[in-house]
Amino acid sequence: LCASTQKGNRPSYVRASRGEQAIALYDDFVRALSAAIGKPVANGVFGA
């Protein structure tokens, strides 16, 4: 979803966050969404 297609035909993913920061923010998002809706959020596996 962070792809840039501005140049050429191969998407660039340089804007995508890497590693631990991305995992932490994804986990924060899932927790925040679960709290906002009042029920668990099912999820995939980061990086799988």
ModelCIF file with pLDDT and N, C-alpha, C, O atoms, coordinates in Angstrom:
data_MODEL
#
_entry.id   MODEL 
#
_entity.id                         1 
_entity.type                       polymer 
_entity.pdbx_number_of_molecules   1 
#
_entity_poly.entity_id                      1 
_entity_poly.type                           'polypeptide(L)' 
_entity_poly.nstd_linkage                   no 
_entity_poly.nstd_monomer                   no 
_entity_poly.pdbx_seq_one_letter_code       LCASTQKGNRPSYVRASRGEQAIALYDDFVRALSAAIGKPVANGVFGA 
_entity_poly.pdbx_seq_one_letter_code_can   LCASTQKGNRPSYVRASRGEQAIALYDDFVRALSAAIGKPVANGVFGA 
_entity_poly.pdbx_strand_id                 A 
#
loop_
_entity_poly_seq.entity_id 
_entity_poly_seq.num 
_entity_poly_seq.mon_id 
_entity_poly_seq.hetero 
1 1  LEU n 
1 2  CYS n 
1 3  ALA n 
1 4  SER n 
1 5  THR n 
1 6  GLN n 
1 7  LYS n 
1 8  GLY n 
1 9  ASN n 
1 10 ARG n 
1 11 PRO n 
1 12 SER n 
1 13 TYR n 
1 14 VAL n 
1 15 ARG n 
1 16 ALA n 
1 17 SER n 
1 18 ARG n 
1 19 GLY n 
1 20 GLU n 
1 21 GLN n 
1 22 ALA n 
1 23 ILE n 
1 24 ALA n 
1 25 LEU n 
1 26 TYR n 
1 27 ASP n 
1 28 ASP n 
1 29 PHE n 
1 30 VAL n 
1 31 ARG n 
1 32 ALA n 
1 33 LEU n 
1 34 SER n 
1 35 ALA n 
1 36 ALA n 
1 37 ILE n 
1 38 GLY n 
1 39 LYS n 
1 40 PRO n 
1 41 VAL n 
1 42 ALA n 
1 43 ASN n 
1 44 GLY n 
1 45 VAL n 
1 46 PHE n 
1 47 GLY n 
1 48 ALA n 
#
_struct_asym.id          A 
_struct_asym.entity_id   1 
#
loop_
_ma_qa_metric.id 
_ma_qa_metric.mode 
_ma_qa_metric.name 
_ma_qa_metric.software_group_id 
_ma_qa_metric.type 
1 global pLDDT . pLDDT 
2 local  pLDDT . pLDDT 
#
_ma_qa_metric_global.metric_id      1 
_ma_qa_metric_global.metric_value   92.92 
_ma_qa_metric_global.model_id       1 
_ma_qa_metric_global.ordinal_id     1 
#
loop_
_ma_qa_metric_local.label_asym_id 
_ma_qa_metric_local.label_comp_id 
_ma_qa_metric_local.label_seq_id 
_ma_qa_metric_local.metric_id 
_ma_qa_metric_local.metric_value 
_ma_qa_metric_local.model_id 
_ma_qa_metric_local.ordinal_id 
A LEU 1  2 91.00 1 1  
A CYS 2  2 89.00 1 2  
A ALA 3  2 90.00 1 3  
A SER 4  2 88.00 1 4  
A THR 5  2 90.00 1 5  
A GLN 6  2 88.00 1 6  
A LYS 7  2 89.00 1 7  
A GLY 8  2 88.00 1 8  
A ASN 9  2 92.00 1 9  
A ARG 10 2 93.00 1 10 
A PRO 11 2 92.00 1 11 
A SER 12 2 89.00 1 12 
A TYR 13 2 90.00 1 13 
A VAL 14 2 89.00 1 14 
A ARG 15 2 89.00 1 15 
A ALA 16 2 90.00 1 16 
A SER 17 2 91.00 1 17 
A ARG 18 2 88.00 1 18 
A GLY 19 2 84.00 1 19 
A GLU 20 2 87.00 1 20 
A GLN 21 2 90.00 1 21 
A ALA 22 2 94.00 1 22 
A ILE 23 2 95.00 1 23 
A ALA 24 2 95.00 1 24 
A LEU 25 2 96.00 1 25 
A TYR 26 2 96.00 1 26 
A ASP 27 2 96.00 1 27 
A ASP 28 2 97.00 1 28 
A PHE 29 2 97.00 1 29 
A VAL 30 2 97.00 1 30 
A ARG 31 2 97.00 1 31 
A ALA 32 2 98.00 1 32 
A LEU 33 2 98.00 1 33 
A SER 34 2 98.00 1 34 
A ALA 35 2 97.00 1 35 
A ALA 36 2 97.00 1 36 
A ILE 37 2 97.00 1 37 
A GLY 38 2 97.00 1 38 
A LYS 39 2 97.00 1 39 
A PRO 40 2 98.00 1 40 
A VAL 41 2 98.00 1 41 
A ALA 42 2 98.00 1 42 
A ASN 43 2 95.00 1 43 
A GLY 44 2 93.00 1 44 
A VAL 45 2 93.00 1 45 
A PHE 46 2 89.00 1 46 
A GLY 47 2 88.00 1 47 
A ALA 48 2 92.00 1 48 
#
loop_
_atom_site.group_PDB 
_atom_site.id 
_atom_site.type_symbol 
_atom_site.label_atom_id 
_atom_site.label_alt_id 
_atom_site.label_comp_id 
_atom_site.label_asym_id 
_atom_site.label_entity_id 
_atom_site.label_seq_id 
_atom_site.pdbx_PDB_ins_code 
_atom_site.Cartn_x 
_atom_site.Cartn_y 
_atom_site.Cartn_z 
_atom_site.occupancy 
_atom_site.B_iso_or_equiv 
_atom_site.pdbx_formal_charge 
_atom_site.auth_seq_id 
_atom_site.auth_comp_id 
_atom_site.auth_asym_id 
_atom_site.auth_atom_id 
_atom_site.pdbx_PDB_model_num 
ATOM 1   N N  . LEU A 1 1  ? 0.831   -1.217  0.000   1.00 91.00 ? 1  LEU A N  1 
ATOM 2   C CA . LEU A 1 1  ? 0.000   0.000   0.000   1.00 91.00 ? 1  LEU A CA 1 
ATOM 3   C C  . LEU A 1 1  ? 0.858   1.257   0.000   1.00 91.00 ? 1  LEU A C  1 
ATOM 4   O O  . LEU A 1 1  ? 0.367   2.344   -0.305  1.00 91.00 ? 1  LEU A O  1 
ATOM 5   N N  . CYS A 1 2  ? 2.129   1.118   0.337   1.00 89.00 ? 2  CYS A N  1 
ATOM 6   C CA . CYS A 1 2  ? 3.054   2.250   0.394   1.00 89.00 ? 2  CYS A CA 1 
ATOM 7   C C  . CYS A 1 2  ? 3.797   2.435   -0.928  1.00 89.00 ? 2  CYS A C  1 
ATOM 8   O O  . CYS A 1 2  ? 4.721   3.244   -1.012  1.00 89.00 ? 2  CYS A O  1 
ATOM 9   N N  . ALA A 1 3  ? 3.405   1.700   -1.943  1.00 90.00 ? 3  ALA A N  1 
ATOM 10  C CA . ALA A 1 3  ? 4.102   1.744   -3.228  1.00 90.00 ? 3  ALA A CA 1 
ATOM 11  C C  . ALA A 1 3  ? 4.015   3.116   -3.875  1.00 90.00 ? 3  ALA A C  1 
ATOM 12  O O  . ALA A 1 3  ? 3.001   3.809   -3.792  1.00 90.00 ? 3  ALA A O  1 
ATOM 13  N N  . SER A 1 4  ? 5.109   3.480   -4.517  1.00 88.00 ? 4  SER A N  1 
ATOM 14  C CA . SER A 1 4  ? 5.139   4.664   -5.372  1.00 88.00 ? 4  SER A CA 1 
ATOM 15  C C  . SER A 1 4  ? 5.316   4.172   -6.798  1.00 88.00 ? 4  SER A C  1 
ATOM 16  O O  . SER A 1 4  ? 6.218   3.385   -7.088  1.00 88.00 ? 4  SER A O  1 
ATOM 17  N N  . THR A 1 5  ? 4.449   4.643   -7.687  1.00 90.00 ? 5  THR A N  1 
ATOM 18  C CA . THR A 1 5  ? 4.533   4.249   -9.091  1.00 90.00 ? 5  THR A CA 1 
ATOM 19  C C  . THR A 1 5  ? 4.860   5.455   -9.969  1.00 90.00 ? 5  THR A C  1 
ATOM 20  O O  . THR A 1 5  ? 4.612   5.452   -11.174 1.00 90.00 ? 5  THR A O  1 
ATOM 21  N N  . GLN A 1 6  ? 5.416   6.467   -9.345  1.00 88.00 ? 6  GLN A N  1 
ATOM 22  C CA . GLN A 1 6  ? 5.701   7.718   -10.050 1.00 88.00 ? 6  GLN A CA 1 
ATOM 23  C C  . GLN A 1 6  ? 6.712   7.525   -11.181 1.00 88.00 ? 6  GLN A C  1 
ATOM 24  O O  . GLN A 1 6  ? 6.559   8.113   -12.251 1.00 88.00 ? 6  GLN A O  1 
ATOM 25  N N  . LYS A 1 7  ? 7.729   6.719   -10.959 1.00 89.00 ? 7  LYS A N  1 
ATOM 26  C CA . LYS A 1 7  ? 8.775   6.513   -11.970 1.00 89.00 ? 7  LYS A CA 1 
ATOM 27  C C  . LYS A 1 7  ? 8.720   5.085   -12.493 1.00 89.00 ? 7  LYS A C  1 
ATOM 28  O O  . LYS A 1 7  ? 8.665   4.130   -11.719 1.00 89.00 ? 7  LYS A O  1 
ATOM 29  N N  . GLY A 1 8  ? 8.736   4.953   -13.791 1.00 88.00 ? 8  GLY A N  1 
ATOM 30  C CA . GLY A 1 8  ? 8.828   3.635   -14.403 1.00 88.00 ? 8  GLY A CA 1 
ATOM 31  C C  . GLY A 1 8  ? 7.630   2.752   -14.132 1.00 88.00 ? 8  GLY A C  1 
ATOM 32  O O  . GLY A 1 8  ? 6.545   3.226   -13.794 1.00 88.00 ? 8  GLY A O  1 
ATOM 33  N N  . ASN A 1 9  ? 7.849   1.457   -14.288 1.00 92.00 ? 9  ASN A N  1 
ATOM 34  C CA . ASN A 1 9  ? 6.767   0.479   -14.139 1.00 92.00 ? 9  ASN A CA 1 
ATOM 35  C C  . ASN A 1 9  ? 6.955   -0.473  -12.976 1.00 92.00 ? 9  ASN A C  1 
ATOM 36  O O  . ASN A 1 9  ? 6.079   -1.291  -12.696 1.00 92.00 ? 9  ASN A O  1 
ATOM 37  N N  . ARG A 1 10 ? 8.088   -0.378  -12.293 1.00 93.00 ? 10 ARG A N  1 
ATOM 38  C CA . ARG A 1 10 ? 8.312   -1.211  -11.126 1.00 93.00 ? 10 ARG A CA 1 
ATOM 39  C C  . ARG A 1 10 ? 8.023   -0.363  -9.889  1.00 93.00 ? 10 ARG A C  1 
ATOM 40  O O  . ARG A 1 10 ? 8.703   0.638   -9.661  1.00 93.00 ? 10 ARG A O  1 
ATOM 41  N N  . PRO A 1 11 ? 7.029   -0.745  -9.088  1.00 92.00 ? 11 PRO A N  1 
ATOM 42  C CA . PRO A 1 11 ? 6.730   0.041   -7.892  1.00 92.00 ? 11 PRO A CA 1 
ATOM 43  C C  . PRO A 1 11 ? 7.929   0.122   -6.954  1.00 92.00 ? 11 PRO A C  1 
ATOM 44  O O  . PRO A 1 11 ? 8.691   -0.834  -6.809  1.00 92.00 ? 11 PRO A O  1 
ATOM 45  N N  . SER A 1 12 ? 8.076   1.261   -6.334  1.00 89.00 ? 12 SER A N  1 
ATOM 46  C CA . SER A 1 12 ? 9.110   1.462   -5.321  1.00 89.00 ? 12 SER A CA 1 
ATOM 47  C C  . SER A 1 12 ? 8.463   1.409   -3.950  1.00 89.00 ? 12 SER A C  1 
ATOM 48  O O  . SER A 1 12 ? 7.385   1.964   -3.737  1.00 89.00 ? 12 SER A O  1 
ATOM 49  N N  . TYR A 1 13 ? 9.127   0.740   -3.026  1.00 90.00 ? 13 TYR A N  1 
ATOM 50  C CA . TYR A 1 13 ? 8.597   0.606   -1.662  1.00 90.00 ? 13 TYR A CA 1 
ATOM 51  C C  . TYR A 1 13 ? 9.478   1.320   -0.653  1.00 90.00 ? 13 TYR A C  1 
ATOM 52  O O  . TYR A 1 13 ? 9.484   0.958   0.523   1.00 90.00 ? 13 TYR A O  1 
ATOM 53  N N  . VAL A 1 14 ? 10.219  2.325   -1.088  1.00 89.00 ? 14 VAL A N  1 
ATOM 54  C CA . VAL A 1 14 ? 11.138  3.025   -0.191  1.00 89.00 ? 14 VAL A CA 1 
ATOM 55  C C  . VAL A 1 14 ? 10.406  3.752   0.932   1.00 89.00 ? 14 VAL A C  1 
ATOM 56  O O  . VAL A 1 14 ? 11.004  4.024   1.973   1.00 89.00 ? 14 VAL A O  1 
ATOM 57  N N  . ARG A 1 15 ? 9.133   4.071   0.747   1.00 89.00 ? 15 ARG A N  1 
ATOM 58  C CA . ARG A 1 15 ? 8.363   4.746   1.802   1.00 89.00 ? 15 ARG A CA 1 
ATOM 59  C C  . ARG A 1 15 ? 7.879   3.785   2.884   1.00 89.00 ? 15 ARG A C  1 
ATOM 60  O O  . ARG A 1 15 ? 7.506   4.222   3.972   1.00 89.00 ? 15 ARG A O  1 
ATOM 61  N N  . ALA A 1 16 ? 7.880   2.492   2.601   1.00 90.00 ? 16 ALA A N  1 
ATOM 62  C CA . ALA A 1 16 ? 7.387   1.513   3.572   1.00 90.00 ? 16 ALA A CA 1 
ATOM 63  C C  . ALA A 1 16 ? 8.323   1.442   4.773   1.00 90.00 ? 16 ALA A C  1 
ATOM 64  O O  . ALA A 1 16 ? 9.543   1.370   4.625   1.00 90.00 ? 16 ALA A O  1 
ATOM 65  N N  . SER A 1 17 ? 7.739   1.463   5.944   1.00 91.00 ? 17 SER A N  1 
ATOM 66  C CA . SER A 1 17 ? 8.517   1.362   7.179   1.00 91.00 ? 17 SER A CA 1 
ATOM 67  C C  . SER A 1 17 ? 9.103   -0.045  7.286   1.00 91.00 ? 17 SER A C  1 
ATOM 68  O O  . SER A 1 17 ? 8.530   -1.008  6.778   1.00 91.00 ? 17 SER A O  1 
ATOM 69  N N  . ARG A 1 18 ? 10.215  -0.145  7.931   1.00 88.00 ? 18 ARG A N  1 
ATOM 70  C CA . ARG A 1 18 ? 10.909  -1.418  8.059   1.00 88.00 ? 18 ARG A CA 1 
ATOM 71  C C  . ARG A 1 18 ? 10.817  -1.972  9.481   1.00 88.00 ? 18 ARG A C  1 
ATOM 72  O O  . ARG A 1 18 ? 10.654  -1.234  10.453  1.00 88.00 ? 18 ARG A O  1 
ATOM 73  N N  . GLY A 1 19 ? 10.927  -3.279  9.563   1.00 84.00 ? 19 GLY A N  1 
ATOM 74  C CA . GLY A 1 19 ? 11.178  -3.995  10.790  1.00 84.00 ? 19 GLY A CA 1 
ATOM 75  C C  . GLY A 1 19 ? 10.374  -3.650  12.023  1.00 84.00 ? 19 GLY A C  1 
ATOM 76  O O  . GLY A 1 19 ? 9.147   -3.556  11.997  1.00 84.00 ? 19 GLY A O  1 
ATOM 77  N N  . GLU A 1 20 ? 11.113  -3.466  13.106  1.00 87.00 ? 20 GLU A N  1 
ATOM 78  C CA . GLU A 1 20 ? 10.508  -3.324  14.423  1.00 87.00 ? 20 GLU A CA 1 
ATOM 79  C C  . GLU A 1 20 ? 9.528   -2.168  14.525  1.00 87.00 ? 20 GLU A C  1 
ATOM 80  O O  . GLU A 1 20 ? 8.490   -2.297  15.173  1.00 87.00 ? 20 GLU A O  1 
ATOM 81  N N  . GLN A 1 21 ? 9.837   -1.040  13.897  1.00 90.00 ? 21 GLN A N  1 
ATOM 82  C CA . GLN A 1 21 ? 8.922   0.101   13.963  1.00 90.00 ? 21 GLN A CA 1 
ATOM 83  C C  . GLN A 1 21 ? 7.588   -0.239  13.302  1.00 90.00 ? 21 GLN A C  1 
ATOM 84  O O  . GLN A 1 21 ? 6.530   0.076   13.846  1.00 90.00 ? 21 GLN A O  1 
ATOM 85  N N  . ALA A 1 22 ? 7.632   -0.878  12.138  1.00 94.00 ? 22 ALA A N  1 
ATOM 86  C CA . ALA A 1 22 ? 6.405   -1.233  11.440  1.00 94.00 ? 22 ALA A CA 1 
ATOM 87  C C  . ALA A 1 22 ? 5.579   -2.241  12.240  1.00 94.00 ? 22 ALA A C  1 
ATOM 88  O O  . ALA A 1 22 ? 4.359   -2.113  12.338  1.00 94.00 ? 22 ALA A O  1 
ATOM 89  N N  . ILE A 1 23 ? 6.243   -3.234  12.806  1.00 95.00 ? 23 ILE A N  1 
ATOM 90  C CA . ILE A 1 23 ? 5.534   -4.236  13.606  1.00 95.00 ? 23 ILE A CA 1 
ATOM 91  C C  . ILE A 1 23 ? 4.879   -3.574  14.815  1.00 95.00 ? 23 ILE A C  1 
ATOM 92  O O  . ILE A 1 23 ? 3.720   -3.854  15.124  1.00 95.00 ? 23 ILE A O  1 
ATOM 93  N N  . ALA A 1 24 ? 5.608   -2.707  15.494  1.00 95.00 ? 24 ALA A N  1 
ATOM 94  C CA . ALA A 1 24 ? 5.064   -2.023  16.676  1.00 95.00 ? 24 ALA A CA 1 
ATOM 95  C C  . ALA A 1 24 ? 3.858   -1.169  16.309  1.00 95.00 ? 24 ALA A C  1 
ATOM 96  O O  . ALA A 1 24 ? 2.866   -1.166  17.038  1.00 95.00 ? 24 ALA A O  1 
ATOM 97  N N  . LEU A 1 25 ? 3.920   -0.446  15.195  1.00 96.00 ? 25 LEU A N  1 
ATOM 98  C CA . LEU A 1 25 ? 2.794   0.406   14.797  1.00 96.00 ? 25 LEU A CA 1 
ATOM 99  C C  . LEU A 1 25 ? 1.601   -0.421  14.327  1.00 96.00 ? 25 LEU A C  1 
ATOM 100 O O  . LEU A 1 25 ? 0.454   -0.047  14.573  1.00 96.00 ? 25 LEU A O  1 
ATOM 101 N N  . TYR A 1 26 ? 1.858   -1.530  13.661  1.00 96.00 ? 26 TYR A N  1 
ATOM 102 C CA . TYR A 1 26 ? 0.766   -2.420  13.268  1.00 96.00 ? 26 TYR A CA 1 
ATOM 103 C C  . TYR A 1 26 ? 0.069   -2.969  14.520  1.00 96.00 ? 26 TYR A C  1 
ATOM 104 O O  . TYR A 1 26 ? -1.160  -2.978  14.598  1.00 96.00 ? 26 TYR A O  1 
ATOM 105 N N  . ASP A 1 27 ? 0.857   -3.422  15.488  1.00 96.00 ? 27 ASP A N  1 
ATOM 106 C CA . ASP A 1 27 ? 0.290   -3.916  16.746  1.00 96.00 ? 27 ASP A CA 1 
ATOM 107 C C  . ASP A 1 27 ? -0.486  -2.817  17.477  1.00 96.00 ? 27 ASP A C  1 
ATOM 108 O O  . ASP A 1 27 ? -1.558  -3.075  18.025  1.00 96.00 ? 27 ASP A O  1 
ATOM 109 N N  . ASP A 1 28 ? 0.055   -1.587  17.488  1.00 97.00 ? 28 ASP A N  1 
ATOM 110 C CA . ASP A 1 28 ? -0.660  -0.452  18.094  1.00 97.00 ? 28 ASP A CA 1 
ATOM 111 C C  . ASP A 1 28 ? -1.992  -0.222  17.398  1.00 97.00 ? 28 ASP A C  1 
ATOM 112 O O  . ASP A 1 28 ? -3.012  0.008   18.048  1.00 97.00 ? 28 ASP A O  1 
ATOM 113 N N  . PHE A 1 29 ? -1.975  -0.285  16.063  1.00 97.00 ? 29 PHE A N  1 
ATOM 114 C CA . PHE A 1 29 ? -3.208  -0.086  15.302  1.00 97.00 ? 29 PHE A CA 1 
ATOM 115 C C  . PHE A 1 29 ? -4.252  -1.137  15.662  1.00 97.00 ? 29 PHE A C  1 
ATOM 116 O O  . PHE A 1 29 ? -5.411  -0.804  15.910  1.00 97.00 ? 29 PHE A O  1 
ATOM 117 N N  . VAL A 1 30 ? -3.845  -2.406  15.691  1.00 97.00 ? 30 VAL A N  1 
ATOM 118 C CA . VAL A 1 30 ? -4.785  -3.486  16.005  1.00 97.00 ? 30 VAL A CA 1 
ATOM 119 C C  . VAL A 1 30 ? -5.357  -3.295  17.408  1.00 97.00 ? 30 VAL A C  1 
ATOM 120 O O  . VAL A 1 30 ? -6.561  -3.456  17.607  1.00 97.00 ? 30 VAL A O  1 
ATOM 121 N N  . ARG A 1 31 ? -4.511  -2.955  18.385  1.00 97.00 ? 31 ARG A N  1 
ATOM 122 C CA . ARG A 1 31 ? -5.001  -2.710  19.754  1.00 97.00 ? 31 ARG A CA 1 
ATOM 123 C C  . ARG A 1 31 ? -5.960  -1.527  19.804  1.00 97.00 ? 31 ARG A C  1 
ATOM 124 O O  . ARG A 1 31 ? -7.005  -1.597  20.451  1.00 97.00 ? 31 ARG A O  1 
ATOM 125 N N  . ALA A 1 32 ? -5.606  -0.442  19.121  1.00 98.00 ? 32 ALA A N  1 
ATOM 126 C CA . ALA A 1 32 ? -6.457  0.757   19.125  1.00 98.00 ? 32 ALA A CA 1 
ATOM 127 C C  . ALA A 1 32 ? -7.796  0.480   18.453  1.00 98.00 ? 32 ALA A C  1 
ATOM 128 O O  . ALA A 1 32 ? -8.834  0.941   18.928  1.00 98.00 ? 32 ALA A O  1 
ATOM 129 N N  . LEU A 1 33 ? -7.783  -0.263  17.360  1.00 98.00 ? 33 LEU A N  1 
ATOM 130 C CA . LEU A 1 33 ? -9.035  -0.588  16.673  1.00 98.00 ? 33 LEU A CA 1 
ATOM 131 C C  . LEU A 1 33 ? -9.896  -1.507  17.526  1.00 98.00 ? 33 LEU A C  1 
ATOM 132 O O  . LEU A 1 33 ? -11.113 -1.336  17.598  1.00 98.00 ? 33 LEU A O  1 
ATOM 133 N N  . SER A 1 34 ? -9.274  -2.468  18.164  1.00 98.00 ? 34 SER A N  1 
ATOM 134 C CA . SER A 1 34 ? -10.010 -3.362  19.056  1.00 98.00 ? 34 SER A CA 1 
ATOM 135 C C  . SER A 1 34 ? -10.676 -2.573  20.185  1.00 98.00 ? 34 SER A C  1 
ATOM 136 O O  . SER A 1 34 ? -11.836 -2.818  20.516  1.00 98.00 ? 34 SER A O  1 
ATOM 137 N N  . ALA A 1 35 ? -9.948  -1.633  20.769  1.00 97.00 ? 35 ALA A N  1 
ATOM 138 C CA . ALA A 1 35 ? -10.515 -0.800  21.839  1.00 97.00 ? 35 ALA A CA 1 
ATOM 139 C C  . ALA A 1 35 ? -11.648 0.064   21.308  1.00 97.00 ? 35 ALA A C  1 
ATOM 140 O O  . ALA A 1 35 ? -12.659 0.242   21.987  1.00 97.00 ? 35 ALA A O  1 
ATOM 141 N N  . ALA A 1 36 ? -11.497 0.600   20.112  1.00 97.00 ? 36 ALA A N  1 
ATOM 142 C CA . ALA A 1 36 ? -12.507 1.496   19.535  1.00 97.00 ? 36 ALA A CA 1 
ATOM 143 C C  . ALA A 1 36 ? -13.798 0.774   19.196  1.00 97.00 ? 36 ALA A C  1 
ATOM 144 O O  . ALA A 1 36 ? -14.877 1.360   19.289  1.00 97.00 ? 36 ALA A O  1 
ATOM 145 N N  . ILE A 1 37 ? -13.705 -0.501  18.800  1.00 97.00 ? 37 ILE A N  1 
ATOM 146 C CA . ILE A 1 37 ? -14.924 -1.241  18.433  1.00 97.00 ? 37 ILE A CA 1 
ATOM 147 C C  . ILE A 1 37 ? -15.433 -2.127  19.568  1.00 97.00 ? 37 ILE A C  1 
ATOM 148 O O  . ILE A 1 37 ? -16.544 -2.654  19.503  1.00 97.00 ? 37 ILE A O  1 
ATOM 149 N N  . GLY A 1 38 ? -14.616 -2.286  20.602  1.00 97.00 ? 38 GLY A N  1 
ATOM 150 C CA . GLY A 1 38 ? -15.060 -3.054  21.757  1.00 97.00 ? 38 GLY A CA 1 
ATOM 151 C C  . GLY A 1 38 ? -15.068 -4.556  21.564  1.00 97.00 ? 38 GLY A C  1 
ATOM 152 O O  . GLY A 1 38 ? -15.801 -5.264  22.254  1.00 97.00 ? 38 GLY A O  1 
ATOM 153 N N  . LYS A 1 39 ? -14.270 -5.050  20.641  1.00 97.00 ? 39 LYS A N  1 
ATOM 154 C CA . LYS A 1 39 ? -14.160 -6.499  20.449  1.00 97.00 ? 39 LYS A CA 1 
ATOM 155 C C  . LYS A 1 39 ? -12.830 -6.810  19.793  1.00 97.00 ? 39 LYS A C  1 
ATOM 156 O O  . LYS A 1 39 ? -12.202 -5.915  19.226  1.00 97.00 ? 39 LYS A O  1 
ATOM 157 N N  . PRO A 1 40 ? -12.386 -8.055  19.855  1.00 98.00 ? 40 PRO A N  1 
ATOM 158 C CA . PRO A 1 40 ? -11.093 -8.418  19.254  1.00 98.00 ? 40 PRO A CA 1 
ATOM 159 C C  . PRO A 1 40 ? -11.084 -8.210  17.744  1.00 98.00 ? 40 PRO A C  1 
ATOM 160 O O  . PRO A 1 40 ? -12.109 -8.320  17.071  1.00 98.00 ? 40 PRO A O  1 
ATOM 161 N N  . VAL A 1 41 ? -9.905  -7.908  17.242  1.00 98.00 ? 41 VAL A N  1 
ATOM 162 C CA . VAL A 1 41 ? -9.672  -7.775  15.808  1.00 98.00 ? 41 VAL A CA 1 
ATOM 163 C C  . VAL A 1 41 ? -8.844  -8.975  15.364  1.00 98.00 ? 41 VAL A C  1 
ATOM 164 O O  . VAL A 1 41 ? -7.745  -9.202  15.871  1.00 98.00 ? 41 VAL A O  1 
ATOM 165 N N  . ALA A 1 42 ? -9.371  -9.734  14.426  1.00 98.00 ? 42 ALA A N  1 
ATOM 166 C CA . ALA A 1 42 ? -8.610  -10.842 13.854  1.00 98.00 ? 42 ALA A CA 1 
ATOM 167 C C  . ALA A 1 42 ? -7.512  -10.248 12.982  1.00 98.00 ? 42 ALA A C  1 
ATOM 168 O O  . ALA A 1 42 ? -7.680  -9.159  12.433  1.00 98.00 ? 42 ALA A O  1 
ATOM 169 N N  . ASN A 1 43 ? -6.402  -10.943 12.851  1.00 95.00 ? 43 ASN A N  1 
ATOM 170 C CA . ASN A 1 43 ? -5.335  -10.381 12.023  1.00 95.00 ? 43 ASN A CA 1 
ATOM 171 C C  . ASN A 1 43 ? -4.496  -11.460 11.378  1.00 95.00 ? 43 ASN A C  1 
ATOM 172 O O  . ASN A 1 43 ? -4.545  -12.635 11.742  1.00 95.00 ? 43 ASN A O  1 
ATOM 173 N N  . GLY A 1 44 ? -3.721  -11.009 10.398  1.00 93.00 ? 44 GLY A N  1 
ATOM 174 C CA . GLY A 1 44 ? -2.764  -11.873 9.732   1.00 93.00 ? 44 GLY A CA 1 
ATOM 175 C C  . GLY A 1 44 ? -1.480  -11.904 10.530  1.00 93.00 ? 44 GLY A C  1 
ATOM 176 O O  . GLY A 1 44 ? -1.465  -11.552 11.709  1.00 93.00 ? 44 GLY A O  1 
ATOM 177 N N  . VAL A 1 45 ? -0.402  -12.324 9.889   1.00 93.00 ? 45 VAL A N  1 
ATOM 178 C CA . VAL A 1 45 ? 0.910   -12.385 10.521  1.00 93.00 ? 45 VAL A CA 1 
ATOM 179 C C  . VAL A 1 45 ? 1.814   -11.407 9.783   1.00 93.00 ? 45 VAL A C  1 
ATOM 180 O O  . VAL A 1 45 ? 2.031   -11.542 8.579   1.00 93.00 ? 45 VAL A O  1 
ATOM 181 N N  . PHE A 1 46 ? 2.334   -10.435 10.497  1.00 89.00 ? 46 PHE A N  1 
ATOM 182 C CA . PHE A 1 46 ? 3.169   -9.409  9.886   1.00 89.00 ? 46 PHE A CA 1 
ATOM 183 C C  . PHE A 1 46 ? 4.329   -10.055 9.131   1.00 89.00 ? 46 PHE A C  1 
ATOM 184 O O  . PHE A 1 46 ? 5.072   -10.860 9.691   1.00 89.00 ? 46 PHE A O  1 
ATOM 185 N N  . GLY A 1 47 ? 4.476   -9.694  7.858   1.00 88.00 ? 47 GLY A N  1 
ATOM 186 C CA . GLY A 1 47 ? 5.585   -10.174 7.040   1.00 88.00 ? 47 GLY A CA 1 
ATOM 187 C C  . GLY A 1 47 ? 5.412   -11.553 6.441   1.00 88.00 ? 47 GLY A C  1 
ATOM 188 O O  . GLY A 1 47 ? 6.260   -11.995 5.667   1.00 88.00 ? 47 GLY A O  1 
ATOM 189 N N  . ALA A 1 48 ? 4.336   -12.244 6.779   1.00 92.00 ? 48 ALA A N  1 
ATOM 190 C CA . ALA A 1 48 ? 4.125   -13.593 6.252   1.00 92.00 ? 48 ALA A CA 1 
ATOM 191 C C  . ALA A 1 48 ? 3.592   -13.542 4.824   1.00 92.00 ? 48 ALA A C  1 
ATOM 192 O O  . ALA A 1 48 ? 3.354   -14.586 4.217   1.00 92.00 ? 48 ALA A O  1 
#
